[in-house]
PDB file of N, CA and C in Angstrom:
ATOM      1  N   GLN A   1      36.843  10.180 -15.315  1.00  0.00           N
ATOM      2  CA  GLN A   1      36.531   8.776 -15.457  1.00  0.00           C
ATOM      3  C   GLN A   1      35.698   8.310 -14.272  1.00  0.00           C
ATOM      4  N   VAL A   2      34.683   7.487 -14.560  1.00  0.00           N
ATOM      5  CA  VAL A   2      33.790   7.000 -13.520  1.00  0.00           C
ATOM      6  C   VAL A   2      34.440   5.846 -12.774  1.00  0.00           C
ATOM      7  N   GLN A   3      34.317   5.896 -11.463  1.00  0.00           N
ATOM      8  CA  GLN A   3      34.733   4.778 -10.631  1.00  0.00           C
ATOM      9  C   GLN A   3      33.594   4.410  -9.696  1.00  0.00           C
ATOM     10  N   LEU A   4      33.318   3.132  -9.567  1.00  0.00           N
ATOM     11  CA  LEU A   4      32.280   2.623  -8.684  1.00  0.00           C
ATOM     12  C   LEU A   4      32.917   1.631  -7.714  1.00  0.00           C
ATOM     13  N   VAL A   5      32.652   1.817  -6.435  1.00  0.00           N
ATOM     14  CA  VAL A   5      33.240   0.948  -5.413  1.00  0.00           C
ATOM     15  C   VAL A   5      32.133   0.439  -4.502  1.00  0.00           C
ATOM     16  N   GLU A   6      31.917  -0.879  -4.532  1.00  0.00           N
ATOM     17  CA  GLU A   6      30.904  -1.500  -3.683  1.00  0.00           C
ATOM     18  C   GLU A   6      31.487  -1.861  -2.324  1.00  0.00           C
ATOM     19  N   SER A   7      30.620  -1.909  -1.336  1.00  0.00           N
ATOM     20  CA  SER A   7      31.004  -2.350   0.002  1.00  0.00           C
ATOM     21  C   SER A   7      29.754  -2.860   0.714  1.00  0.00           C
ATOM     22  N   GLY A   8      29.976  -3.515   1.856  1.00  0.00           N
ATOM     23  CA  GLY A   8      28.855  -3.939   2.687  1.00  0.00           C
ATOM     24  C   GLY A   8      28.528  -5.417   2.612  1.00  0.00           C
ATOM     25  N   GLY A   9      29.215  -6.148   1.753  1.00  0.00           N
ATOM     26  CA  GLY A   9      28.959  -7.573   1.676  1.00  0.00           C
ATOM     27  C   GLY A   9      29.476  -8.303   2.904  1.00  0.00           C
ATOM     28  N   GLY A  10      29.145  -9.597   2.972  1.00  0.00           N
ATOM     29  CA  GLY A  10      29.613 -10.392   4.094  1.00  0.00           C
ATOM     30  C   GLY A  10      28.853 -11.690   4.203  1.00  0.00           C
ATOM     31  N   LEU A  11      29.040 -12.346   5.342  1.00  0.00           N
ATOM     32  CA  LEU A  11      28.371 -13.616   5.638  1.00  0.00           C
ATOM     33  C   LEU A  11      27.193 -13.344   6.566  1.00  0.00           C
ATOM     34  N   VAL A  12      26.031 -13.859   6.204  1.00  0.00           N
ATOM     35  CA  VAL A  12      24.843 -13.637   7.008  1.00  0.00           C
ATOM     36  C   VAL A  12      24.021 -14.916   7.033  1.00  0.00           C
ATOM     37  N   HIS A  13      23.301 -15.133   8.122  1.00  0.00           N
ATOM     38  CA  HIS A  13      22.436 -16.295   8.240  1.00  0.00           C
ATOM     39  C   HIS A  13      21.165 -16.096   7.414  1.00  0.00           C
ATOM     40  N   PRO A  14      20.535 -17.179   6.989  1.00  0.00           N
ATOM     41  CA  PRO A  14      19.242 -17.045   6.301  1.00  0.00           C
ATOM     42  C   PRO A  14      18.259 -16.266   7.164  1.00  0.00           C
ATOM     43  N   GLY A  15      17.527 -15.370   6.513  1.00  0.00           N
ATOM     44  CA  GLY A  15      16.609 -14.500   7.224  1.00  0.00           C
ATOM     45  C   GLY A  15      17.216 -13.202   7.671  1.00  0.00           C
ATOM     46  N   GLY A  16      18.525 -13.081   7.549  1.00  0.00           N
ATOM     47  CA  GLY A  16      19.210 -11.874   7.975  1.00  0.00           C
ATOM     48  C   GLY A  16      19.160 -10.768   6.942  1.00  0.00           C
ATOM     49  N   SER A  17      19.850  -9.675   7.264  1.00  0.00           N
ATOM     50  CA  SER A  17      19.847  -8.485   6.410  1.00  0.00           C
ATOM     51  C   SER A  17      21.257  -7.983   6.178  1.00  0.00           C
ATOM     52  N   LEU A  18      21.429  -7.347   5.045  1.00  0.00           N
ATOM     53  CA  LEU A  18      22.658  -6.633   4.715  1.00  0.00           C
ATOM     54  C   LEU A  18      22.293  -5.387   3.928  1.00  0.00           C
ATOM     55  N   ARG A  19      23.137  -4.382   4.030  1.00  0.00           N
ATOM     56  CA  ARG A  19      22.974  -3.184   3.216  1.00  0.00           C
ATOM     57  C   ARG A  19      24.229  -2.975   2.396  1.00  0.00           C
ATOM     58  N   LEU A  20      24.094  -3.069   1.103  1.00  0.00           N
ATOM     59  CA  LEU A  20      25.217  -2.825   0.210  1.00  0.00           C
ATOM     60  C   LEU A  20      25.267  -1.350  -0.168  1.00  0.00           C
ATOM     61  N   SER A  21      26.470  -0.854  -0.340  1.00  0.00           N
ATOM     62  CA  SER A  21      26.679   0.523  -0.771  1.00  0.00           C
ATOM     63  C   SER A  21      27.555   0.537  -2.020  1.00  0.00           C
ATOM     64  N   CYS A  22      27.360   1.554  -2.829  1.00  0.00           N
ATOM     65  CA  CYS A  22      28.174   1.748  -4.025  1.00  0.00           C
ATOM     66  C   CYS A  22      28.512   3.233  -4.104  1.00  0.00           C
ATOM     67  N   ALA A  23      29.797   3.540  -3.982  1.00  0.00           N
ATOM     68  CA  ALA A  23      30.261   4.918  -4.039  1.00  0.00           C
ATOM     69  C   ALA A  23      30.722   5.241  -5.454  1.00  0.00           C
ATOM     70  N   ALA A  24      30.174   6.318  -6.009  1.00  0.00           N
ATOM     71  CA  ALA A  24      30.525   6.726  -7.367  1.00  0.00           C
ATOM     72  C   ALA A  24      31.377   7.980  -7.336  1.00  0.00           C
ATOM     73  N   SER A  25      32.274   8.070  -8.304  1.00  0.00           N
ATOM     74  CA  SER A  25      33.089   9.268  -8.423  1.00  0.00           C
ATOM     75  C   SER A  25      33.329   9.572  -9.885  1.00  0.00           C
ATOM     76  N   GLY A  26      33.645  10.809 -10.152  1.00  0.00           N
ATOM     77  CA  GLY A  26      34.078  11.180 -11.490  1.00  0.00           C
ATOM     78  C   GLY A  26      32.986  11.504 -12.471  1.00  0.00           C
ATOM     79  N   SER A  27      31.748  11.682 -12.006  1.00  0.00           N
ATOM     80  CA  SER A  27      30.700  12.005 -12.959  1.00  0.00           C
ATOM     81  C   SER A  27      29.556  12.717 -12.248  1.00  0.00           C
ATOM     82  N   ILE A  28      28.641  13.222 -13.048  1.00  0.00           N
ATOM     83  CA  ILE A  28      27.421  13.801 -12.491  1.00  0.00           C
ATOM     84  C   ILE A  28      26.490  12.640 -12.196  1.00  0.00           C
ATOM     85  N   PHE A  29      26.502  12.167 -10.984  1.00  0.00           N
ATOM     86  CA  PHE A  29      25.837  10.923 -10.591  1.00  0.00           C
ATOM     87  C   PHE A  29      24.328  10.991 -10.791  1.00  0.00           C
ATOM     88  N   SER A  30      23.745  12.137 -10.478  1.00  0.00           N
ATOM     89  CA  SER A  30      22.293  12.224 -10.360  1.00  0.00           C
ATOM     90  C   SER A  30      21.531  11.948 -11.649  1.00  0.00           C
ATOM     91  N   ILE A  31      22.149  12.114 -12.802  1.00  0.00           N
ATOM     92  CA  ILE A  31      21.408  11.988 -14.054  1.00  0.00           C
ATOM     93  C   ILE A  31      21.382  10.574 -14.604  1.00  0.00           C
ATOM     94  N   TYR A  32      22.103   9.670 -13.970  1.00  0.00           N
ATOM     95  CA  TYR A  32      22.275   8.341 -14.536  1.00  0.00           C
ATOM     96  C   TYR A  32      21.374   7.289 -13.897  1.00  0.00           C
ATOM     97  N   VAL A  33      20.988   6.328 -14.724  1.00  0.00           N
ATOM     98  CA  VAL A  33      20.302   5.139 -14.228  1.00  0.00           C
ATOM     99  C   VAL A  33      21.337   4.229 -13.582  1.00  0.00           C
ATOM    100  N   MET A  34      21.006   3.770 -12.395  1.00  0.00           N
ATOM    101  CA  MET A  34      21.911   2.898 -11.652  1.00  0.00           C
ATOM    102  C   MET A  34      21.250   1.538 -11.449  1.00  0.00           C
ATOM    103  N   ARG A  35      22.046   0.509 -11.466  1.00  0.00           N
ATOM    104  CA  ARG A  35      21.535  -0.851 -11.322  1.00  0.00           C
ATOM    105  C   ARG A  35      22.425  -1.687 -10.414  1.00  0.00           C
ATOM    106  N   TRP A  36      21.817  -2.676  -9.810  1.00  0.00           N
ATOM    107  CA  TRP A  36      22.542  -3.728  -9.103  1.00  0.00           C
ATOM    108  C   TRP A  36      22.382  -5.017  -9.901  1.00  0.00           C
ATOM    109  N   TYR A  37      23.468  -5.744 -10.010  1.00  0.00           N
ATOM    110  CA  TYR A  37      23.498  -7.065 -10.616  1.00  0.00           C
ATOM    111  C   TYR A  37      24.139  -8.020  -9.616  1.00  0.00           C
ATOM    112  N   ARG A  38      23.992  -9.293  -9.879  1.00  0.00           N
ATOM    113  CA  ARG A  38      24.690 -10.290  -9.064  1.00  0.00           C
ATOM    114  C   ARG A  38      25.092 -11.477  -9.933  1.00  0.00           C
ATOM    115  N   GLN A  39      26.137 -12.158  -9.478  1.00  0.00           N
ATOM    116  CA  GLN A  39      26.606 -13.343 -10.185  1.00  0.00           C
ATOM    117  C   GLN A  39      26.932 -14.419  -9.175  1.00  0.00           C
ATOM    118  N   ALA A  40      26.167 -15.490  -9.236  1.00  0.00           N
ATOM    119  CA  ALA A  40      26.394 -16.628  -8.357  1.00  0.00           C
ATOM    120  C   ALA A  40      27.418 -17.558  -8.994  1.00  0.00           C
ATOM    121  N   PRO A  41      28.074 -18.379  -8.192  1.00  0.00           N
ATOM    122  CA  PRO A  41      29.078 -19.300  -8.732  1.00  0.00           C
ATOM    123  C   PRO A  41      28.494 -20.189  -9.823  1.00  0.00           C
ATOM    124  N   GLY A  42      29.179 -20.232 -10.961  1.00  0.00           N
ATOM    125  CA  GLY A  42      28.755 -21.084 -12.058  1.00  0.00           C
ATOM    126  C   GLY A  42      27.570 -20.578 -12.846  1.00  0.00           C
ATOM    127  N   LYS A  43      27.112 -19.350 -12.537  1.00  0.00           N
ATOM    128  CA  LYS A  43      25.949 -18.804 -13.238  1.00  0.00           C
ATOM    129  C   LYS A  43      26.298 -17.498 -13.923  1.00  0.00           C
ATOM    130  N   GLN A  44      25.423 -17.100 -14.853  1.00  0.00           N
ATOM    131  CA  GLN A  44      25.625 -15.825 -15.524  1.00  0.00           C
ATOM    132  C   GLN A  44      25.220 -14.679 -14.609  1.00  0.00           C
ATOM    133  N   ARG A  45      25.778 -13.525 -14.882  1.00  0.00           N
ATOM    134  CA  ARG A  45      25.401 -12.337 -14.131  1.00  0.00           C
ATOM    135  C   ARG A  45      23.939 -12.019 -14.411  1.00  0.00           C
ATOM    136  N   GLU A  46      23.174 -11.696 -13.361  1.00  0.00           N
ATOM    137  CA  GLU A  46      21.774 -11.378 -13.525  1.00  0.00           C
ATOM    138  C   GLU A  46      21.451 -10.014 -12.920  1.00  0.00           C
ATOM    139  N   TRP A  47      20.512  -9.354 -13.552  1.00  0.00           N
ATOM    140  CA  TRP A  47      20.039  -8.064 -13.074  1.00  0.00           C
ATOM    141  C   TRP A  47      19.211  -8.256 -11.803  1.00  0.00           C
ATOM    142  N   VAL A  48      19.380  -7.335 -10.846  1.00  0.00           N
ATOM    143  CA  VAL A  48      18.656  -7.405  -9.585  1.00  0.00           C
ATOM    144  C   VAL A  48      17.673  -6.245  -9.438  1.00  0.00           C
ATOM    145  N   ALA A  49      18.166  -5.023  -9.642  1.00  0.00           N
ATOM    146  CA  ALA A  49      17.306  -3.866  -9.391  1.00  0.00           C
ATOM    147  C   ALA A  49      17.822  -2.657 -10.159  1.00  0.00           C
ATOM    148  N   THR A  50      16.895  -1.745 -10.450  1.00  0.00           N
ATOM    149  CA  THR A  50      17.195  -0.508 -11.169  1.00  0.00           C
ATOM    150  C   THR A  50      16.578   0.667 -10.437  1.00  0.00           C
ATOM    151  N   ILE A  51      17.287   1.789 -10.450  1.00  0.00           N
ATOM    152  CA  ILE A  51      16.711   3.048  -9.984  1.00  0.00           C
ATOM    153  C   ILE A  51      17.062   4.129 -11.002  1.00  0.00           C
ATOM    154  N   THR A  52      16.056   4.877 -11.440  1.00  0.00           N
ATOM    155  CA  THR A  52      16.282   5.920 -12.433  1.00  0.00           C
ATOM    156  C   THR A  52      16.732   7.211 -11.768  1.00  0.00           C
ATOM    157  N   SER A  53      17.044   8.194 -12.585  1.00  0.00           N
ATOM    158  CA  SER A  53      17.451   9.491 -12.046  1.00  0.00           C
ATOM    159  C   SER A  53      16.315  10.127 -11.255  1.00  0.00           C
ATOM    160  N   GLY A  54      15.085   9.797 -11.618  1.00  0.00           N
ATOM    161  CA  GLY A  54      13.931  10.340 -10.906  1.00  0.00           C
ATOM    162  C   GLY A  54      13.496   9.528  -9.708  1.00  0.00           C
ATOM    163  N   GLY A  55      14.173   8.415  -9.466  1.00  0.00           N
ATOM    164  CA  GLY A  55      13.874   7.620  -8.286  1.00  0.00           C
ATOM    165  C   GLY A  55      12.934   6.455  -8.511  1.00  0.00           C
ATOM    166  N   SER A  56      12.506   6.231  -9.758  1.00  0.00           N
ATOM    167  CA  SER A  56      11.663   5.068 -10.030  1.00  0.00           C
ATOM    168  C   SER A  56      12.482   3.794  -9.892  1.00  0.00           C
ATOM    169  N   THR A  57      11.849   2.759  -9.366  1.00  0.00           N
ATOM    170  CA  THR A  57      12.571   1.521  -9.094  1.00  0.00           C
ATOM    171  C   THR A  57      11.894   0.312  -9.751  1.00  0.00           C
ATOM    172  N   ARG A  58      12.712  -0.676 -10.061  1.00  0.00           N
ATOM    173  CA  ARG A  58      12.230  -1.960 -10.586  1.00  0.00           C
ATOM    174  C   ARG A  58      13.093  -3.047 -10.004  1.00  0.00           C
ATOM    175  N   TYR A  59      12.489  -4.246  -9.851  1.00  0.00           N
ATOM    176  CA  TYR A  59      13.188  -5.359  -9.243  1.00  0.00           C
ATOM    177  C   TYR A  59      12.927  -6.647 -10.020  1.00  0.00           C
ATOM    178  N   THR A  60      13.910  -7.526 -10.001  1.00  0.00           N
ATOM    179  CA  THR A  60      13.653  -8.855 -10.519  1.00  0.00           C
ATOM    180  C   THR A  60      12.700  -9.564  -9.557  1.00  0.00           C
ATOM    181  N   ASP A  61      11.898 -10.475 -10.079  1.00  0.00           N
ATOM    182  CA  ASP A  61      10.834 -11.067  -9.280  1.00  0.00           C
ATOM    183  C   ASP A  61      11.333 -11.745  -8.003  1.00  0.00           C
ATOM    184  N   SER A  62      12.493 -12.347  -8.067  1.00  0.00           N
ATOM    185  CA  SER A  62      12.971 -13.133  -6.925  1.00  0.00           C
ATOM    186  C   SER A  62      13.319 -12.284  -5.704  1.00  0.00           C
ATOM    187  N   VAL A  63      13.463 -10.976  -5.875  1.00  0.00           N
ATOM    188  CA  VAL A  63      13.832 -10.134  -4.733  1.00  0.00           C
ATOM    189  C   VAL A  63      12.741  -9.135  -4.364  1.00  0.00           C
ATOM    190  N   LYS A  64      11.664  -9.104  -5.119  1.00  0.00           N
ATOM    191  CA  LYS A  64      10.581  -8.159  -4.825  1.00  0.00           C
ATOM    192  C   LYS A  64      10.055  -8.369  -3.420  1.00  0.00           C
ATOM    193  N   GLY A  65       9.888  -7.267  -2.693  1.00  0.00           N
ATOM    194  CA  GLY A  65       9.390  -7.338  -1.328  1.00  0.00           C
ATOM    195  C   GLY A  65      10.469  -7.594  -0.294  1.00  0.00           C
ATOM    196  N   ARG A  66      11.668  -7.942  -0.743  1.00  0.00           N
ATOM    197  CA  ARG A  66      12.771  -8.197   0.184  1.00  0.00           C
ATOM    198  C   ARG A  66      13.913  -7.194   0.040  1.00  0.00           C
ATOM    199  N   PHE A  67      14.172  -6.759  -1.174  1.00  0.00           N
ATOM    200  CA  PHE A  67      15.267  -5.828  -1.447  1.00  0.00           C
ATOM    201  C   PHE A  67      14.718  -4.450  -1.771  1.00  0.00           C
ATOM    202  N   THR A  68      15.483  -3.431  -1.401  1.00  0.00           N
ATOM    203  CA  THR A  68      15.124  -2.060  -1.731  1.00  0.00           C
ATOM    204  C   THR A  68      16.350  -1.325  -2.258  1.00  0.00           C
ATOM    205  N   ILE A  69      16.227  -0.795  -3.461  1.00  0.00           N
ATOM    206  CA  ILE A  69      17.298   0.012  -4.037  1.00  0.00           C
ATOM    207  C   ILE A  69      17.008   1.479  -3.758  1.00  0.00           C
ATOM    208  N   SER A  70      18.060   2.225  -3.454  1.00  0.00           N
ATOM    209  CA  SER A  70      17.895   3.656  -3.198  1.00  0.00           C
ATOM    210  C   SER A  70      19.179   4.382  -3.584  1.00  0.00           C
ATOM    211  N   ARG A  71      19.084   5.705  -3.620  1.00  0.00           N
ATOM    212  CA  ARG A  71      20.254   6.485  -3.976  1.00  0.00           C
ATOM    213  C   ARG A  71      20.259   7.796  -3.211  1.00  0.00           C
ATOM    214  N   ASP A  72      21.455   8.313  -3.008  1.00  0.00           N
ATOM    215  CA  ASP A  72      21.649   9.637  -2.405  1.00  0.00           C
ATOM    216  C   ASP A  72      22.500  10.418  -3.395  1.00  0.00           C
ATOM    217  N   ASN A  73      21.850  11.235  -4.192  1.00  0.00           N
ATOM    218  CA  ASN A  73      22.576  11.932  -5.255  1.00  0.00           C
ATOM    219  C   ASN A  73      23.600  12.927  -4.711  1.00  0.00           C
ATOM    220  N   ALA A  74      23.300  13.539  -3.604  1.00  0.00           N
ATOM    221  CA  ALA A  74      24.241  14.514  -3.030  1.00  0.00           C
ATOM    222  C   ALA A  74      25.545  13.837  -2.618  1.00  0.00           C
ATOM    223  N   LYS A  75      25.437  12.603  -2.152  1.00  0.00           N
ATOM    224  CA  LYS A  75      26.626  11.863  -1.715  1.00  0.00           C
ATOM    225  C   LYS A  75      27.187  10.971  -2.818  1.00  0.00           C
ATOM    226  N   LYS A  76      26.502  10.910  -3.959  1.00  0.00           N
ATOM    227  CA  LYS A  76      26.892  10.014  -5.050  1.00  0.00           C
ATOM    228  C   LYS A  76      26.965   8.567  -4.569  1.00  0.00           C
ATOM    229  N   MET A  77      25.907   8.163  -3.887  1.00  0.00           N
ATOM    230  CA  MET A  77      25.861   6.824  -3.320  1.00  0.00           C
ATOM    231  C   MET A  77      24.637   6.063  -3.818  1.00  0.00           C
ATOM    232  N   LEU A  78      24.830   4.781  -4.046  1.00  0.00           N
ATOM    233  CA  LEU A  78      23.760   3.856  -4.391  1.00  0.00           C
ATOM    234  C   LEU A  78      23.719   2.803  -3.296  1.00  0.00           C
ATOM    235  N   TYR A  79      22.498   2.351  -2.950  1.00  0.00           N
ATOM    236  CA  TYR A  79      22.342   1.378  -1.878  1.00  0.00           C
ATOM    237  C   TYR A  79      21.457   0.223  -2.322  1.00  0.00           C
ATOM    238  N   LEU A  80      21.654  -0.901  -1.645  1.00  0.00           N
ATOM    239  CA  LEU A  80      20.736  -2.023  -1.803  1.00  0.00           C
ATOM    240  C   LEU A  80      20.512  -2.616  -0.412  1.00  0.00           C
ATOM    241  N   GLN A  81      19.324  -2.368   0.129  1.00  0.00           N
ATOM    242  CA  GLN A  81      18.942  -2.961   1.405  1.00  0.00           C
ATOM    243  C   GLN A  81      18.362  -4.336   1.124  1.00  0.00           C
ATOM    244  N   MET A  82      18.956  -5.346   1.722  1.00  0.00           N
ATOM    245  CA  MET A  82      18.542  -6.729   1.477  1.00  0.00           C
ATOM    246  C   MET A  82      18.055  -7.342   2.778  1.00  0.00           C
ATOM    247  N   ASN A  83      16.796  -7.692   2.811  1.00  0.00           N
ATOM    248  CA  ASN A  83      16.185  -8.312   3.987  1.00  0.00           C
ATOM    249  C   ASN A  83      15.721  -9.724   3.662  1.00  0.00           C
ATOM    250  N   SER A  84      15.449 -10.484   4.699  1.00  0.00           N
ATOM    251  CA  SER A  84      14.964 -11.863   4.533  1.00  0.00           C
ATOM    252  C   SER A  84      15.832 -12.635   3.543  1.00  0.00           C
ATOM    253  N   LEU A  85      17.115 -12.551   3.742  1.00  0.00           N
ATOM    254  CA  LEU A  85      18.049 -13.163   2.800  1.00  0.00           C
ATOM    255  C   LEU A  85      17.927 -14.679   2.790  1.00  0.00           C
ATOM    256  N   LYS A  86      18.138 -15.238   1.606  1.00  0.00           N
ATOM    257  CA  LYS A  86      18.041 -16.672   1.385  1.00  0.00           C
ATOM    258  C   LYS A  86      19.377 -17.189   0.852  1.00  0.00           C
ATOM    259  N   PRO A  87      19.645 -18.468   1.031  1.00  0.00           N
ATOM    260  CA  PRO A  87      20.908 -19.015   0.486  1.00  0.00           C
ATOM    261  C   PRO A  87      21.063 -18.760  -1.010  1.00  0.00           C
ATOM    262  N   GLU A  88      19.972 -18.729  -1.735  1.00  0.00           N
ATOM    263  CA  GLU A  88      20.060 -18.489  -3.178  1.00  0.00           C
ATOM    264  C   GLU A  88      20.396 -17.036  -3.531  1.00  0.00           C
ATOM    265  N   ASP A  89      20.460 -16.169  -2.533  1.00  0.00           N
ATOM    266  CA  ASP A  89      20.927 -14.805  -2.770  1.00  0.00           C
ATOM    267  C   ASP A  89      22.448 -14.715  -2.741  1.00  0.00           C
ATOM    268  N   THR A  90      23.109 -15.801  -2.404  1.00  0.00           N
ATOM    269  CA  THR A  90      24.562 -15.819  -2.372  1.00  0.00           C
ATOM    270  C   THR A  90      25.126 -15.533  -3.754  1.00  0.00           C
ATOM    271  N   ALA A  91      25.979 -14.514  -3.835  1.00  0.00           N
ATOM    272  CA  ALA A  91      26.539 -14.087  -5.112  1.00  0.00           C
ATOM    273  C   ALA A  91      27.505 -12.935  -4.871  1.00  0.00           C
ATOM    274  N   VAL A  92      28.233 -12.593  -5.910  1.00  0.00           N
ATOM    275  CA  VAL A  92      28.959 -11.331  -5.925  1.00  0.00           C
ATOM    276  C   VAL A  92      28.013 -10.278  -6.501  1.00  0.00           C
ATOM    277  N   TYR A  93      27.868  -9.182  -5.782  1.00  0.00           N
ATOM    278  CA  TYR A  93      26.941  -8.124  -6.179  1.00  0.00           C
ATOM    279  C   TYR A  93      27.735  -6.953  -6.770  1.00  0.00           C
ATOM    280  N   TYR A  94      27.241  -6.466  -7.910  1.00  0.00           N
ATOM    281  CA  TYR A  94      27.903  -5.393  -8.630  1.00  0.00           C
ATOM    282  C   TYR A  94      26.943  -4.222  -8.816  1.00  0.00           C
ATOM    283  N   CYS A  95      27.465  -3.018  -8.728  1.00  0.00           N
ATOM    284  CA  CYS A  95      26.676  -1.855  -9.126  1.00  0.00           C
ATOM    285  C   CYS A  95      27.141  -1.407 -10.512  1.00  0.00           C
ATOM    286  N   SER A  96      26.235  -0.788 -11.215  1.00  0.00           N
ATOM    287  CA  SER A  96      26.523  -0.371 -12.580  1.00  0.00           C
ATOM    288  C   SER A  96      25.876   0.982 -12.855  1.00  0.00           C
ATOM    289  N   GLN A  97      26.599   1.824 -13.576  1.00  0.00           N
ATOM    290  CA  GLN A  97      26.056   3.101 -14.021  1.00  0.00           C
ATOM    291  C   GLN A  97      25.757   2.978 -15.503  1.00  0.00           C
ATOM    292  N   GLU A  98      24.482   3.022 -15.857  1.00  0.00           N
ATOM    293  CA  GLU A  98      24.042   2.968 -17.249  1.00  0.00           C
ATOM    294  C   GLU A  98      24.570   1.734 -17.982  1.00  0.00           C
ATOM    295  N   ASN A  99      24.950   0.714 -17.250  1.00  0.00           N
ATOM    296  CA  ASN A  99      25.550  -0.501 -17.818  1.00  0.00           C
ATOM    297  C   ASN A  99      26.836  -0.206 -18.593  1.00  0.00           C
ATOM    298  N   ASP A 100      27.395   0.957 -18.379  1.00  0.00           N
ATOM    299  CA  ASP A 100      28.660   1.330 -19.021  1.00  0.00           C
ATOM    300  C   ASP A 100      29.847   1.187 -18.079  1.00  0.00           C
ATOM    301  N   TYR A 101      29.584   1.411 -16.811  1.00  0.00           N
ATOM    302  CA  TYR A 101      30.637   1.343 -15.801  1.00  0.00           C
ATOM    303  C   TYR A 101      30.211   0.375 -14.706  1.00  0.00           C
ATOM    304  N   TRP A 102      31.198  -0.345 -14.184  1.00  0.00           N
ATOM    305  CA  TRP A 102      30.937  -1.394 -13.207  1.00  0.00           C
ATOM    306  C   TRP A 102      31.934  -1.296 -12.064  1.00  0.00           C
ATOM    307  N   GLY A 103      31.458  -1.683 -10.878  1.00  0.00           N
ATOM    308  CA  GLY A 103      32.356  -1.804  -9.750  1.00  0.00           C
ATOM    309  C   GLY A 103      33.035  -3.164  -9.759  1.00  0.00           C
ATOM    310  N   GLN A 104      33.849  -3.399  -8.725  1.00  0.00           N
ATOM    311  CA  GLN A 104      34.608  -4.637  -8.643  1.00  0.00           C
ATOM    312  C   GLN A 104      33.809  -5.760  -7.980  1.00  0.00           C
ATOM    313  N   GLY A 105      32.710  -5.401  -7.356  1.00  0.00           N
ATOM    314  CA  GLY A 105      31.852  -6.395  -6.735  1.00  0.00           C
ATOM    315  C   GLY A 105      32.111  -6.577  -5.251  1.00  0.00           C
ATOM    316  N   THR A 106      31.075  -7.023  -4.543  1.00  0.00           N
ATOM    317  CA  THR A 106      31.187  -7.349  -3.127  1.00  0.00           C
ATOM    318  C   THR A 106      30.470  -8.677  -2.890  1.00  0.00           C
ATOM    319  N   GLN A 107      31.119  -9.555  -2.137  1.00  0.00           N
ATOM    320  CA  GLN A 107      30.594 -10.908  -1.941  1.00  0.00           C
ATOM    321  C   GLN A 107      29.527 -10.919  -0.852  1.00  0.00           C
ATOM    322  N   VAL A 108      28.405 -11.547  -1.158  1.00  0.00           N
ATOM    323  CA  VAL A 108      27.351 -11.790  -0.188  1.00  0.00           C
ATOM    324  C   VAL A 108      27.167 -13.299  -0.078  1.00  0.00           C
ATOM    325  N   THR A 109      27.300 -13.801   1.132  1.00  0.00           N
ATOM    326  CA  THR A 109      27.127 -15.230   1.377  1.00  0.00           C
ATOM    327  C   THR A 109      26.047 -15.423   2.429  1.00  0.00           C
ATOM    328  N   VAL A 110      25.023 -16.188   2.077  1.00  0.00           N
ATOM    329  CA  VAL A 110      23.925 -16.463   2.998  1.00  0.00           C
ATOM    330  C   VAL A 110      23.980 -17.955   3.340  1.00  0.00           C
ATOM    331  N   SER A 111      24.328 -18.218   4.570  1.00  0.00           N
ATOM    332  CA  SER A 111      24.528 -19.610   4.968  1.00  0.00           C
ATOM    333  C   SER A 111      24.353 -19.755   6.469  1.00  0.00           C
ATOM    334  N   SER A 112      23.866 -20.909   6.871  1.00  0.00           N
ATOM    335  CA  SER A 112      23.747 -21.192   8.300  1.00  0.00           C
ATOM    336  C   SER A 112      25.003 -21.895   8.807  1.00  0.00           C
TER     337      SER A 112
END
């Protein structure tokens, strides 16, 4: 059974950076498409970024140039480097494997 565990969230000032991690277990990690989503208070969950098994990446427009998704298949790890953070990036961030499995989420709060 697949398990995904996010970490790395926290409170950061506007303009700051955070690196989120997602540890996967129980599957052949390298063959799957991995995604980051986020859900802000009172809003629907939204897609943030995708990385394919081959390393191709895509981003929602609001984070392009600021966020970078990456993966380490040997370690079964997914990452999201977030720079130039804005208050509107405040949300619970989730990792997902093929949109079939989800982690419990990690809170990111951007506030002065």
